[in-house]
Amino acid sequence: GRLPCLVMPYYEDGDLVGYLTRARVNILELMCDAVAGLEYLHNFQPHPVVHGDLKAHNMLLDNGHVQLADFGASKMLDMSLSTSSRMAGTYWWMSPELLVDADPKPTTVSDVWAFGMTVLQASVFTGKNPYSHLKSDPAVIMSVVQGQLPPQPPEIDSTIWALLKRCFSFDPTKRPRVETVSIVLNIVASAP
């Protein structure tokens, strides 16, 4: 019989975490690439797509350009048809509502939270986890559900930090849409 298979390009530069440890690059340009991919997903028609597991390990690079990868936790948003819940992803990048809700459902705004954590992770040039100052996994979860933000690294510009704090809003309705994140990142990246 015939066996279906998935064929995809080889990304020579690997994932964003590995890339950051090998190369000094303009992080904001890479994040502008990544947010463009997320914007495409969130505006996909007829139904937006939620990635569900955004993090630097799921961003692949080739020739200095970022591609989102690992769509195993992704789903199309069709609230009229979907009643299934699916909580997947890596909890260090999960929004508070995904950690505490009895029936968690990833959304575009939970993707925005995870994208903000990825920008934070990438901006410190080390690829270390956003809550690496905490010593245990339960401490990370408690910090997130109690609304405690990671500390602002000195490497992060004040405009980007203000954007990230909005992405990390405990109230999901107060998080910016991906289009707003894209606009701010592109403005800061293109500034002299």
N, C-alpha and C. Protein backbone atom coordinates (compact mmCIF):
# COMPACT_ATOMS: atom_id res chain seq x y z
N GLY A 1 0.81 -1.19 0.00
CA GLY A 1 0.00 0.00 0.00
C GLY A 1 0.85 1.25 0.00
N ARG A 2 0.16 2.33 -0.17
CA ARG A 2 0.83 3.63 -0.20
C ARG A 2 0.81 4.23 1.21
N LEU A 3 1.90 4.80 1.59
CA LEU A 3 2.02 5.42 2.90
C LEU A 3 2.17 6.92 2.71
N PRO A 4 1.22 7.71 3.24
CA PRO A 4 1.35 9.16 3.09
C PRO A 4 2.52 9.68 3.92
N CYS A 5 3.13 10.74 3.44
CA CYS A 5 4.23 11.34 4.18
C CYS A 5 4.22 12.85 3.99
N LEU A 6 4.87 13.52 4.89
CA LEU A 6 4.99 14.97 4.85
C LEU A 6 6.41 15.31 4.44
N VAL A 7 6.55 16.14 3.44
CA VAL A 7 7.86 16.57 2.99
C VAL A 7 7.95 18.07 3.21
N MET A 8 9.03 18.51 3.85
CA MET A 8 9.21 19.94 4.08
C MET A 8 10.66 20.30 3.87
N PRO A 9 10.93 21.57 3.66
CA PRO A 9 12.31 21.98 3.42
C PRO A 9 13.19 21.78 4.66
N TYR A 10 14.47 21.65 4.41
CA TYR A 10 15.44 21.56 5.49
C TYR A 10 15.86 22.98 5.85
N TYR A 11 15.78 23.32 7.12
CA TYR A 11 16.16 24.65 7.59
C TYR A 11 17.57 24.57 8.17
N GLU A 12 18.52 24.94 7.34
CA GLU A 12 19.93 24.76 7.65
C GLU A 12 20.37 25.45 8.93
N ASP A 13 19.76 26.60 9.24
CA ASP A 13 20.18 27.35 10.42
C ASP A 13 19.55 26.85 11.72
N GLY A 14 18.69 25.83 11.64
CA GLY A 14 18.10 25.23 12.84
C GLY A 14 17.03 26.10 13.47
N ASP A 15 16.80 25.88 14.77
CA ASP A 15 15.76 26.66 15.45
C ASP A 15 16.36 27.95 16.01
N LEU A 16 15.47 28.83 16.46
CA LEU A 16 15.89 30.15 16.91
C LEU A 16 16.81 30.08 18.13
N VAL A 17 16.57 29.15 19.04
CA VAL A 17 17.43 29.03 20.22
C VAL A 17 18.86 28.72 19.81
N GLY A 18 19.04 27.71 18.97
CA GLY A 18 20.38 27.36 18.52
C GLY A 18 21.03 28.47 17.71
N TYR A 19 20.23 29.12 16.88
CA TYR A 19 20.73 30.20 16.04
C TYR A 19 21.26 31.35 16.89
N LEU A 20 20.54 31.69 17.94
CA LEU A 20 20.96 32.80 18.81
C LEU A 20 22.26 32.49 19.53
N THR A 21 22.55 31.23 19.79
CA THR A 21 23.80 30.89 20.48
C THR A 21 24.99 30.92 19.53
N ARG A 22 24.73 30.89 18.21
CA ARG A 22 25.82 30.86 17.23
C ARG A 22 26.05 32.18 16.52
N ALA A 23 25.06 33.05 16.50
CA ALA A 23 25.17 34.24 15.65
C ALA A 23 24.68 35.48 16.38
N ARG A 24 25.35 36.59 16.14
CA ARG A 24 24.86 37.88 16.61
C ARG A 24 24.00 38.43 15.49
N VAL A 25 22.74 38.62 15.77
CA VAL A 25 21.80 39.02 14.73
C VAL A 25 20.89 40.13 15.26
N ASN A 26 20.16 40.75 14.34
CA ASN A 26 19.16 41.73 14.73
C ASN A 26 17.91 40.96 15.16
N ILE A 27 17.74 40.84 16.45
CA ILE A 27 16.62 40.07 17.01
C ILE A 27 15.29 40.61 16.53
N LEU A 28 15.16 41.93 16.49
CA LEU A 28 13.87 42.51 16.09
C LEU A 28 13.50 42.15 14.66
N GLU A 29 14.49 42.10 13.76
CA GLU A 29 14.18 41.69 12.38
C GLU A 29 13.67 40.25 12.35
N LEU A 30 14.28 39.38 13.14
CA LEU A 30 13.82 37.99 13.20
C LEU A 30 12.40 37.92 13.78
N MET A 31 12.14 38.71 14.81
CA MET A 31 10.80 38.70 15.42
C MET A 31 9.76 39.30 14.48
N CYS A 32 10.17 40.25 13.63
CA CYS A 32 9.25 40.79 12.61
C CYS A 32 8.86 39.70 11.62
N ASP A 33 9.82 38.86 11.23
CA ASP A 33 9.52 37.70 10.37
C ASP A 33 8.53 36.77 11.06
N ALA A 34 8.81 36.47 12.32
CA ALA A 34 7.97 35.52 13.06
C ALA A 34 6.56 36.06 13.25
N VAL A 35 6.43 37.35 13.59
CA VAL A 35 5.09 37.91 13.83
C VAL A 35 4.31 37.99 12.52
N ALA A 36 4.99 38.13 11.39
CA ALA A 36 4.29 38.11 10.10
C ALA A 36 3.65 36.75 9.87
N GLY A 37 4.36 35.68 10.25
CA GLY A 37 3.78 34.34 10.13
C GLY A 37 2.59 34.16 11.05
N LEU A 38 2.71 34.67 12.27
CA LEU A 38 1.61 34.56 13.22
C LEU A 38 0.40 35.39 12.76
N GLU A 39 0.68 36.55 12.21
CA GLU A 39 -0.40 37.40 11.68
C GLU A 39 -1.14 36.68 10.55
N TYR A 40 -0.38 36.00 9.70
CA TYR A 40 -1.00 35.22 8.62
C TYR A 40 -1.94 34.16 9.19
N LEU A 41 -1.46 33.43 10.19
CA LEU A 41 -2.29 32.38 10.80
C LEU A 41 -3.56 32.95 11.42
N HIS A 42 -3.40 34.02 12.19
CA HIS A 42 -4.54 34.59 12.91
C HIS A 42 -5.56 35.23 11.97
N ASN A 43 -5.15 35.56 10.76
CA ASN A 43 -6.07 36.18 9.79
C ASN A 43 -6.45 35.22 8.67
N PHE A 44 -6.12 33.95 8.83
CA PHE A 44 -6.43 32.95 7.81
C PHE A 44 -7.94 32.85 7.63
N GLN A 45 -8.38 32.72 6.39
CA GLN A 45 -9.81 32.60 6.09
C GLN A 45 -10.10 31.23 5.48
N PRO A 46 -11.18 30.59 5.80
CA PRO A 46 -12.36 31.16 6.46
C PRO A 46 -12.27 31.17 7.98
N HIS A 47 -11.29 30.48 8.58
CA HIS A 47 -11.19 30.43 10.04
C HIS A 47 -9.76 30.69 10.46
N PRO A 48 -9.56 31.61 11.41
CA PRO A 48 -8.21 31.85 11.92
C PRO A 48 -7.59 30.57 12.50
N VAL A 49 -6.27 30.52 12.49
CA VAL A 49 -5.55 29.37 13.03
C VAL A 49 -4.78 29.81 14.27
N VAL A 50 -4.93 29.06 15.34
CA VAL A 50 -4.16 29.28 16.57
C VAL A 50 -2.98 28.31 16.53
N HIS A 51 -1.76 28.82 16.73
CA HIS A 51 -0.60 27.94 16.72
C HIS A 51 -0.62 27.01 17.93
N GLY A 52 -0.76 27.56 19.12
CA GLY A 52 -0.90 26.75 20.32
C GLY A 52 0.38 26.33 21.01
N ASP A 53 1.54 26.51 20.38
CA ASP A 53 2.80 26.12 21.01
C ASP A 53 3.95 27.00 20.51
N LEU A 54 3.72 28.30 20.53
CA LEU A 54 4.76 29.22 20.08
C LEU A 54 5.89 29.30 21.09
N LYS A 55 7.10 29.18 20.61
CA LYS A 55 8.32 29.34 21.41
C LYS A 55 9.48 29.33 20.43
N ALA A 56 10.64 29.73 20.90
CA ALA A 56 11.81 29.85 20.03
C ALA A 56 12.22 28.51 19.41
N HIS A 57 11.98 27.41 20.11
CA HIS A 57 12.31 26.09 19.54
C HIS A 57 11.42 25.76 18.35
N ASN A 58 10.27 26.42 18.22
CA ASN A 58 9.35 26.15 17.11
C ASN A 58 9.42 27.23 16.04
N MET A 59 10.54 27.92 15.99
CA MET A 59 10.80 28.89 14.93
C MET A 59 12.09 28.47 14.25
N LEU A 60 11.98 28.10 12.98
CA LEU A 60 13.13 27.61 12.23
C LEU A 60 13.67 28.71 11.34
N LEU A 61 14.99 28.65 11.10
CA LEU A 61 15.64 29.69 10.30
C LEU A 61 16.37 29.10 9.11
N ASP A 62 16.30 29.85 8.02
CA ASP A 62 17.06 29.53 6.82
C ASP A 62 17.38 30.84 6.14
N ASN A 63 18.64 31.07 5.85
CA ASN A 63 19.08 32.32 5.23
C ASN A 63 18.61 33.54 6.01
N GLY A 64 18.61 33.44 7.33
CA GLY A 64 18.26 34.57 8.17
C GLY A 64 16.78 34.90 8.25
N HIS A 65 15.91 34.01 7.76
CA HIS A 65 14.47 34.25 7.81
C HIS A 65 13.80 33.20 8.68
N VAL A 66 12.82 33.64 9.45
CA VAL A 66 12.12 32.77 10.40
C VAL A 66 10.87 32.18 9.77
N GLN A 67 10.66 30.90 10.04
CA GLN A 67 9.42 30.22 9.67
C GLN A 67 8.86 29.56 10.93
N LEU A 68 7.57 29.73 11.15
CA LEU A 68 6.94 29.04 12.28
C LEU A 68 6.85 27.55 11.96
N ALA A 69 7.03 26.73 12.99
CA ALA A 69 7.02 25.27 12.80
C ALA A 69 6.26 24.61 13.94
N ASP A 70 6.16 23.30 13.87
CA ASP A 70 5.52 22.46 14.87
C ASP A 70 4.07 22.88 15.10
N PHE A 71 3.25 22.51 14.15
CA PHE A 71 1.83 22.85 14.21
C PHE A 71 1.01 21.73 14.84
N GLY A 72 1.65 20.87 15.63
CA GLY A 72 0.94 19.77 16.26
C GLY A 72 -0.14 20.20 17.23
N ALA A 73 0.00 21.38 17.83
CA ALA A 73 -1.00 21.88 18.77
C ALA A 73 -1.95 22.89 18.12
N SER A 74 -1.76 23.13 16.83
CA SER A 74 -2.56 24.15 16.14
C SER A 74 -3.98 23.69 15.91
N LYS A 75 -4.87 24.68 15.80
CA LYS A 75 -6.25 24.37 15.45
C LYS A 75 -6.88 25.57 14.78
N MET A 76 -7.86 25.29 13.93
CA MET A 76 -8.63 26.35 13.30
C MET A 76 -9.71 26.77 14.28
N LEU A 77 -9.94 28.07 14.35
CA LEU A 77 -10.98 28.58 15.23
C LEU A 77 -12.30 28.60 14.49
N ASP A 78 -13.17 27.71 14.87
CA ASP A 78 -14.52 27.70 14.32
C ASP A 78 -15.43 27.40 15.50
N MET A 79 -15.74 28.43 16.25
CA MET A 79 -16.46 28.25 17.50
C MET A 79 -17.85 27.64 17.30
N SER A 80 -18.43 27.83 16.11
CA SER A 80 -19.76 27.27 15.90
C SER A 80 -19.72 25.75 15.73
N LEU A 81 -18.57 25.21 15.34
CA LEU A 81 -18.47 23.77 15.10
C LEU A 81 -17.63 23.04 16.14
N SER A 82 -16.70 23.75 16.75
CA SER A 82 -15.74 23.08 17.62
C SER A 82 -16.18 23.14 19.08
N THR A 83 -16.25 21.99 19.69
CA THR A 83 -16.52 21.95 21.12
C THR A 83 -15.37 21.25 21.84
N SER A 84 -14.40 20.82 21.07
CA SER A 84 -13.30 20.09 21.70
C SER A 84 -12.33 21.07 22.34
N SER A 85 -11.73 20.62 23.39
CA SER A 85 -10.72 21.42 24.05
C SER A 85 -9.40 20.71 23.85
N ARG A 86 -8.38 21.49 23.72
CA ARG A 86 -7.08 20.88 23.54
C ARG A 86 -6.07 21.78 24.21
N MET A 87 -5.46 21.29 25.25
CA MET A 87 -4.40 22.06 25.86
C MET A 87 -3.12 21.34 25.53
N ALA A 88 -2.32 22.00 24.76
CA ALA A 88 -1.02 21.46 24.40
C ALA A 88 -0.05 22.62 24.50
N GLY A 89 1.19 22.34 24.29
CA GLY A 89 2.16 23.41 24.33
C GLY A 89 3.11 23.24 25.50
N THR A 90 3.95 24.22 25.68
CA THR A 90 4.96 24.20 26.72
C THR A 90 4.57 25.23 27.76
N TYR A 91 4.34 24.80 28.98
CA TYR A 91 3.72 25.68 29.96
C TYR A 91 4.53 26.92 30.30
N TRP A 92 5.84 26.92 30.09
CA TRP A 92 6.62 28.14 30.37
C TRP A 92 6.17 29.28 29.46
N TRP A 93 5.55 28.95 28.34
CA TRP A 93 5.08 29.97 27.40
C TRP A 93 3.56 30.09 27.42
N MET A 94 2.90 29.34 28.29
CA MET A 94 1.43 29.34 28.33
C MET A 94 0.90 30.54 29.11
N SER A 95 -0.19 31.07 28.61
CA SER A 95 -0.87 32.18 29.29
C SER A 95 -1.58 31.67 30.54
N PRO A 96 -1.86 32.58 31.48
CA PRO A 96 -2.49 32.15 32.74
C PRO A 96 -3.80 31.38 32.54
N GLU A 97 -4.63 31.83 31.59
CA GLU A 97 -5.92 31.16 31.41
C GLU A 97 -5.76 29.71 30.95
N LEU A 98 -4.70 29.41 30.22
CA LEU A 98 -4.47 28.02 29.81
C LEU A 98 -4.02 27.16 30.99
N LEU A 99 -3.39 27.80 31.97
CA LEU A 99 -2.91 27.05 33.13
C LEU A 99 -3.99 26.85 34.20
N VAL A 100 -4.98 27.75 34.26
CA VAL A 100 -5.94 27.67 35.37
C VAL A 100 -7.36 27.29 34.96
N ASP A 101 -7.73 27.49 33.71
CA ASP A 101 -9.10 27.18 33.30
C ASP A 101 -9.36 25.68 33.36
N ALA A 102 -10.56 25.32 33.78
CA ALA A 102 -10.94 23.91 33.86
C ALA A 102 -11.00 23.27 32.48
N ASP A 103 -11.38 24.05 31.48
CA ASP A 103 -11.48 23.55 30.10
C ASP A 103 -10.72 24.52 29.19
N PRO A 104 -9.38 24.49 29.26
CA PRO A 104 -8.59 25.49 28.53
C PRO A 104 -8.66 25.30 27.02
N LYS A 105 -8.79 26.41 26.31
CA LYS A 105 -8.79 26.41 24.85
C LYS A 105 -7.81 27.47 24.37
N PRO A 106 -6.76 27.08 23.65
CA PRO A 106 -5.85 28.07 23.09
C PRO A 106 -6.60 29.03 22.17
N THR A 107 -6.19 30.29 22.21
CA THR A 107 -6.83 31.33 21.41
C THR A 107 -5.75 32.19 20.76
N THR A 108 -6.18 33.11 19.93
CA THR A 108 -5.21 34.03 19.32
C THR A 108 -4.51 34.85 20.39
N VAL A 109 -5.21 35.23 21.47
CA VAL A 109 -4.56 36.02 22.51
C VAL A 109 -3.64 35.18 23.40
N SER A 110 -3.88 33.87 23.50
CA SER A 110 -2.90 33.03 24.20
C SER A 110 -1.65 32.88 23.33
N ASP A 111 -1.82 32.88 22.01
CA ASP A 111 -0.67 32.92 21.10
C ASP A 111 0.12 34.22 21.27
N VAL A 112 -0.58 35.34 21.45
CA VAL A 112 0.10 36.63 21.65
C VAL A 112 0.93 36.59 22.93
N TRP A 113 0.40 36.00 23.99
CA TRP A 113 1.17 35.83 25.23
C TRP A 113 2.45 35.04 24.93
N ALA A 114 2.31 33.90 24.28
CA ALA A 114 3.45 33.03 23.99
C ALA A 114 4.45 33.74 23.07
N PHE A 115 3.94 34.51 22.11
CA PHE A 115 4.85 35.25 21.23
C PHE A 115 5.64 36.28 22.05
N GLY A 116 4.98 36.97 22.96
CA GLY A 116 5.68 37.92 23.83
C GLY A 116 6.78 37.24 24.62
N MET A 117 6.49 36.05 25.16
CA MET A 117 7.51 35.31 25.90
C MET A 117 8.68 34.93 24.99
N THR A 118 8.37 34.64 23.74
CA THR A 118 9.42 34.29 22.78
C THR A 118 10.28 35.50 22.46
N VAL A 119 9.66 36.67 22.30
CA VAL A 119 10.42 37.91 22.07
C VAL A 119 11.33 38.15 23.27
N LEU A 120 10.81 37.97 24.47
CA LEU A 120 11.61 38.14 25.68
C LEU A 120 12.78 37.16 25.69
N GLN A 121 12.51 35.92 25.39
CA GLN A 121 13.55 34.89 25.36
C GLN A 121 14.63 35.24 24.33
N ALA A 122 14.22 35.65 23.15
CA ALA A 122 15.17 35.95 22.08
C ALA A 122 15.96 37.22 22.37
N SER A 123 15.34 38.18 23.03
CA SER A 123 15.96 39.48 23.23
C SER A 123 17.14 39.46 24.17
N VAL A 124 17.24 38.46 25.01
CA VAL A 124 18.38 38.40 25.91
C VAL A 124 19.57 37.68 25.27
N PHE A 125 19.44 37.32 24.00
CA PHE A 125 20.51 36.75 23.17
C PHE A 125 21.05 35.41 23.65
N THR A 126 20.46 34.85 24.67
CA THR A 126 20.99 33.59 25.18
C THR A 126 20.06 32.43 24.89
N GLY A 127 18.82 32.74 24.54
CA GLY A 127 17.85 31.69 24.31
C GLY A 127 17.37 31.04 25.59
N LYS A 128 17.75 31.61 26.76
CA LYS A 128 17.28 30.99 28.00
C LYS A 128 15.80 31.27 28.20
N ASN A 129 15.16 30.44 28.99
CA ASN A 129 13.73 30.53 29.21
C ASN A 129 13.35 31.82 29.92
N PRO A 130 12.15 32.35 29.63
CA PRO A 130 11.74 33.63 30.23
C PRO A 130 11.74 33.64 31.75
N TYR A 131 11.46 32.52 32.39
CA TYR A 131 11.43 32.46 33.85
C TYR A 131 12.64 31.71 34.39
N SER A 132 13.78 31.83 33.72
CA SER A 132 14.95 31.05 34.13
C SER A 132 15.47 31.45 35.51
N HIS A 133 15.03 32.60 36.03
CA HIS A 133 15.45 33.02 37.37
C HIS A 133 14.76 32.19 38.46
N LEU A 134 13.70 31.46 38.09
CA LEU A 134 13.00 30.61 39.05
C LEU A 134 13.60 29.22 39.02
N LYS A 135 13.57 28.54 40.15
CA LYS A 135 14.31 27.29 40.28
C LYS A 135 13.51 26.02 40.03
N SER A 136 12.18 26.13 39.92
CA SER A 136 11.40 24.90 39.73
C SER A 136 10.22 25.16 38.81
N ASP A 137 9.74 24.09 38.19
CA ASP A 137 8.59 24.20 37.31
C ASP A 137 7.34 24.70 38.04
N PRO A 138 7.03 24.18 39.24
CA PRO A 138 5.86 24.71 39.95
C PRO A 138 5.99 26.20 40.27
N ALA A 139 7.21 26.67 40.52
CA ALA A 139 7.42 28.10 40.79
C ALA A 139 7.08 28.93 39.56
N VAL A 140 7.40 28.42 38.38
CA VAL A 140 7.06 29.12 37.13
C VAL A 140 5.54 29.20 36.99
N ILE A 141 4.87 28.08 37.17
CA ILE A 141 3.41 28.06 37.03
C ILE A 141 2.77 29.02 38.03
N MET A 142 3.21 29.00 39.28
CA MET A 142 2.65 29.90 40.30
C MET A 142 2.90 31.36 39.93
N SER A 143 4.07 31.65 39.42
CA SER A 143 4.39 33.01 39.02
C SER A 143 3.44 33.49 37.92
N VAL A 144 3.20 32.64 36.93
CA VAL A 144 2.31 33.01 35.82
C VAL A 144 0.88 33.20 36.31
N VAL A 145 0.36 32.25 37.07
CA VAL A 145 -1.04 32.35 37.48
C VAL A 145 -1.27 33.45 38.51
N GLN A 146 -0.22 33.91 39.17
CA GLN A 146 -0.34 35.03 40.10
C GLN A 146 -0.07 36.37 39.42
N GLY A 147 0.16 36.34 38.11
CA GLY A 147 0.35 37.57 37.36
C GLY A 147 1.71 38.22 37.54
N GLN A 148 2.69 37.46 37.98
CA GLN A 148 4.04 38.01 38.17
C GLN A 148 4.82 37.89 36.87
N LEU A 149 5.27 39.02 36.36
CA LEU A 149 6.02 39.04 35.10
C LEU A 149 7.48 38.69 35.35
N PRO A 150 8.13 38.15 34.32
CA PRO A 150 9.58 38.00 34.43
C PRO A 150 10.19 39.40 34.56
N PRO A 151 11.37 39.51 35.14
CA PRO A 151 12.00 40.83 35.25
C PRO A 151 12.40 41.36 33.87
N GLN A 152 12.42 42.69 33.73
CA GLN A 152 12.83 43.29 32.47
C GLN A 152 14.35 43.19 32.34
N PRO A 153 14.82 42.49 31.31
CA PRO A 153 16.26 42.44 31.08
C PRO A 153 16.77 43.79 30.59
N PRO A 154 17.99 44.16 30.95
CA PRO A 154 18.52 45.46 30.51
C PRO A 154 18.67 45.57 28.99
N GLU A 155 18.71 44.42 28.29
CA GLU A 155 18.87 44.44 26.83
C GLU A 155 17.61 44.90 26.10
N ILE A 156 16.48 44.94 26.79
CA ILE A 156 15.21 45.21 26.11
C ILE A 156 14.87 46.69 26.16
N ASP A 157 14.64 47.24 24.98
CA ASP A 157 14.24 48.63 24.78
C ASP A 157 12.93 48.90 25.52
N SER A 158 12.74 50.12 26.02
CA SER A 158 11.55 50.44 26.83
C SER A 158 10.26 50.34 26.02
N THR A 159 10.30 50.65 24.72
CA THR A 159 9.10 50.53 23.89
C THR A 159 8.71 49.06 23.74
N ILE A 160 9.70 48.21 23.52
CA ILE A 160 9.43 46.77 23.39
C ILE A 160 8.93 46.22 24.73
N TRP A 161 9.53 46.66 25.83
CA TRP A 161 9.08 46.17 27.14
C TRP A 161 7.63 46.58 27.40
N ALA A 162 7.26 47.80 27.03
CA ALA A 162 5.86 48.25 27.20
C ALA A 162 4.92 47.35 26.38
N LEU A 163 5.34 47.00 25.17
CA LEU A 163 4.54 46.10 24.34
C LEU A 163 4.44 44.72 24.99
N LEU A 164 5.56 44.21 25.47
CA LEU A 164 5.56 42.88 26.09
C LEU A 164 4.67 42.85 27.33
N LYS A 165 4.69 43.91 28.12
CA LYS A 165 3.82 43.95 29.30
C LYS A 165 2.35 43.87 28.89
N ARG A 166 1.99 44.47 27.76
CA ARG A 166 0.62 44.35 27.25
C ARG A 166 0.35 42.91 26.80
N CYS A 167 1.34 42.29 26.15
CA CYS A 167 1.19 40.89 25.73
C CYS A 167 1.00 39.97 26.94
N PHE A 168 1.60 40.35 28.08
CA PHE A 168 1.54 39.55 29.29
C PHE A 168 0.39 39.95 30.21
N SER A 169 -0.56 40.69 29.70
CA SER A 169 -1.70 41.09 30.53
C SER A 169 -2.41 39.85 31.06
N PHE A 170 -2.67 39.83 32.36
CA PHE A 170 -3.36 38.70 32.97
C PHE A 170 -4.76 38.55 32.37
N ASP A 171 -5.39 39.67 32.05
CA ASP A 171 -6.71 39.67 31.43
C ASP A 171 -6.53 39.51 29.92
N PRO A 172 -6.94 38.39 29.34
CA PRO A 172 -6.71 38.16 27.90
C PRO A 172 -7.35 39.22 27.01
N THR A 173 -8.43 39.85 27.46
CA THR A 173 -9.09 40.87 26.63
C THR A 173 -8.27 42.14 26.53
N LYS A 174 -7.28 42.29 27.40
CA LYS A 174 -6.43 43.49 27.37
C LYS A 174 -5.14 43.28 26.57
N ARG A 175 -4.91 42.07 26.08
CA ARG A 175 -3.73 41.82 25.25
C ARG A 175 -3.93 42.41 23.86
N PRO A 176 -2.86 42.88 23.24
CA PRO A 176 -3.00 43.43 21.89
C PRO A 176 -3.26 42.34 20.86
N ARG A 177 -3.87 42.74 19.77
CA ARG A 177 -4.01 41.82 18.63
C ARG A 177 -2.63 41.67 17.98
N VAL A 178 -2.45 40.61 17.25
CA VAL A 178 -1.17 40.35 16.61
C VAL A 178 -0.79 41.48 15.65
N GLU A 179 -1.78 42.12 15.03
CA GLU A 179 -1.49 43.23 14.11
C GLU A 179 -0.81 44.38 14.84
N THR A 180 -1.25 44.66 16.06
CA THR A 180 -0.63 45.72 16.87
C THR A 180 0.80 45.34 17.22
N VAL A 181 1.01 44.11 17.62
CA VAL A 181 2.36 43.62 17.93
C VAL A 181 3.26 43.79 16.71
N SER A 182 2.76 43.43 15.55
CA SER A 182 3.52 43.54 14.31
C SER A 182 3.90 44.99 14.01
N ILE A 183 2.94 45.89 14.15
CA ILE A 183 3.20 47.31 13.86
C ILE A 183 4.29 47.84 14.78
N VAL A 184 4.18 47.60 16.08
CA VAL A 184 5.17 48.12 17.03
C VAL A 184 6.55 47.52 16.75
N LEU A 185 6.63 46.21 16.56
CA LEU A 185 7.93 45.59 16.28
C LEU A 185 8.56 46.16 15.02
N ASN A 186 7.76 46.33 13.97
CA ASN A 186 8.31 46.85 12.71
C ASN A 186 8.75 48.30 12.84
N ILE A 187 8.03 49.11 13.61
CA ILE A 187 8.44 50.50 13.82
C ILE A 187 9.76 50.55 14.57
N VAL A 188 9.87 49.80 15.66
CA VAL A 188 11.10 49.81 16.45
C VAL A 188 12.26 49.22 15.65
N ALA A 189 12.01 48.17 14.89
CA ALA A 189 13.07 47.53 14.09
C ALA A 189 13.59 48.45 13.00
N SER A 190 12.73 49.32 12.46
CA SER A 190 13.16 50.19 11.37
C SER A 190 13.71 51.53 11.86
N ALA A 191 13.65 51.78 13.16
CA ALA A 191 14.17 53.04 13.70
C ALA A 191 15.70 53.04 13.60
N PRO A 192 16.27 54.22 13.33
CA PRO A 192 17.74 54.29 13.22
C PRO A 192 18.46 54.01 14.52
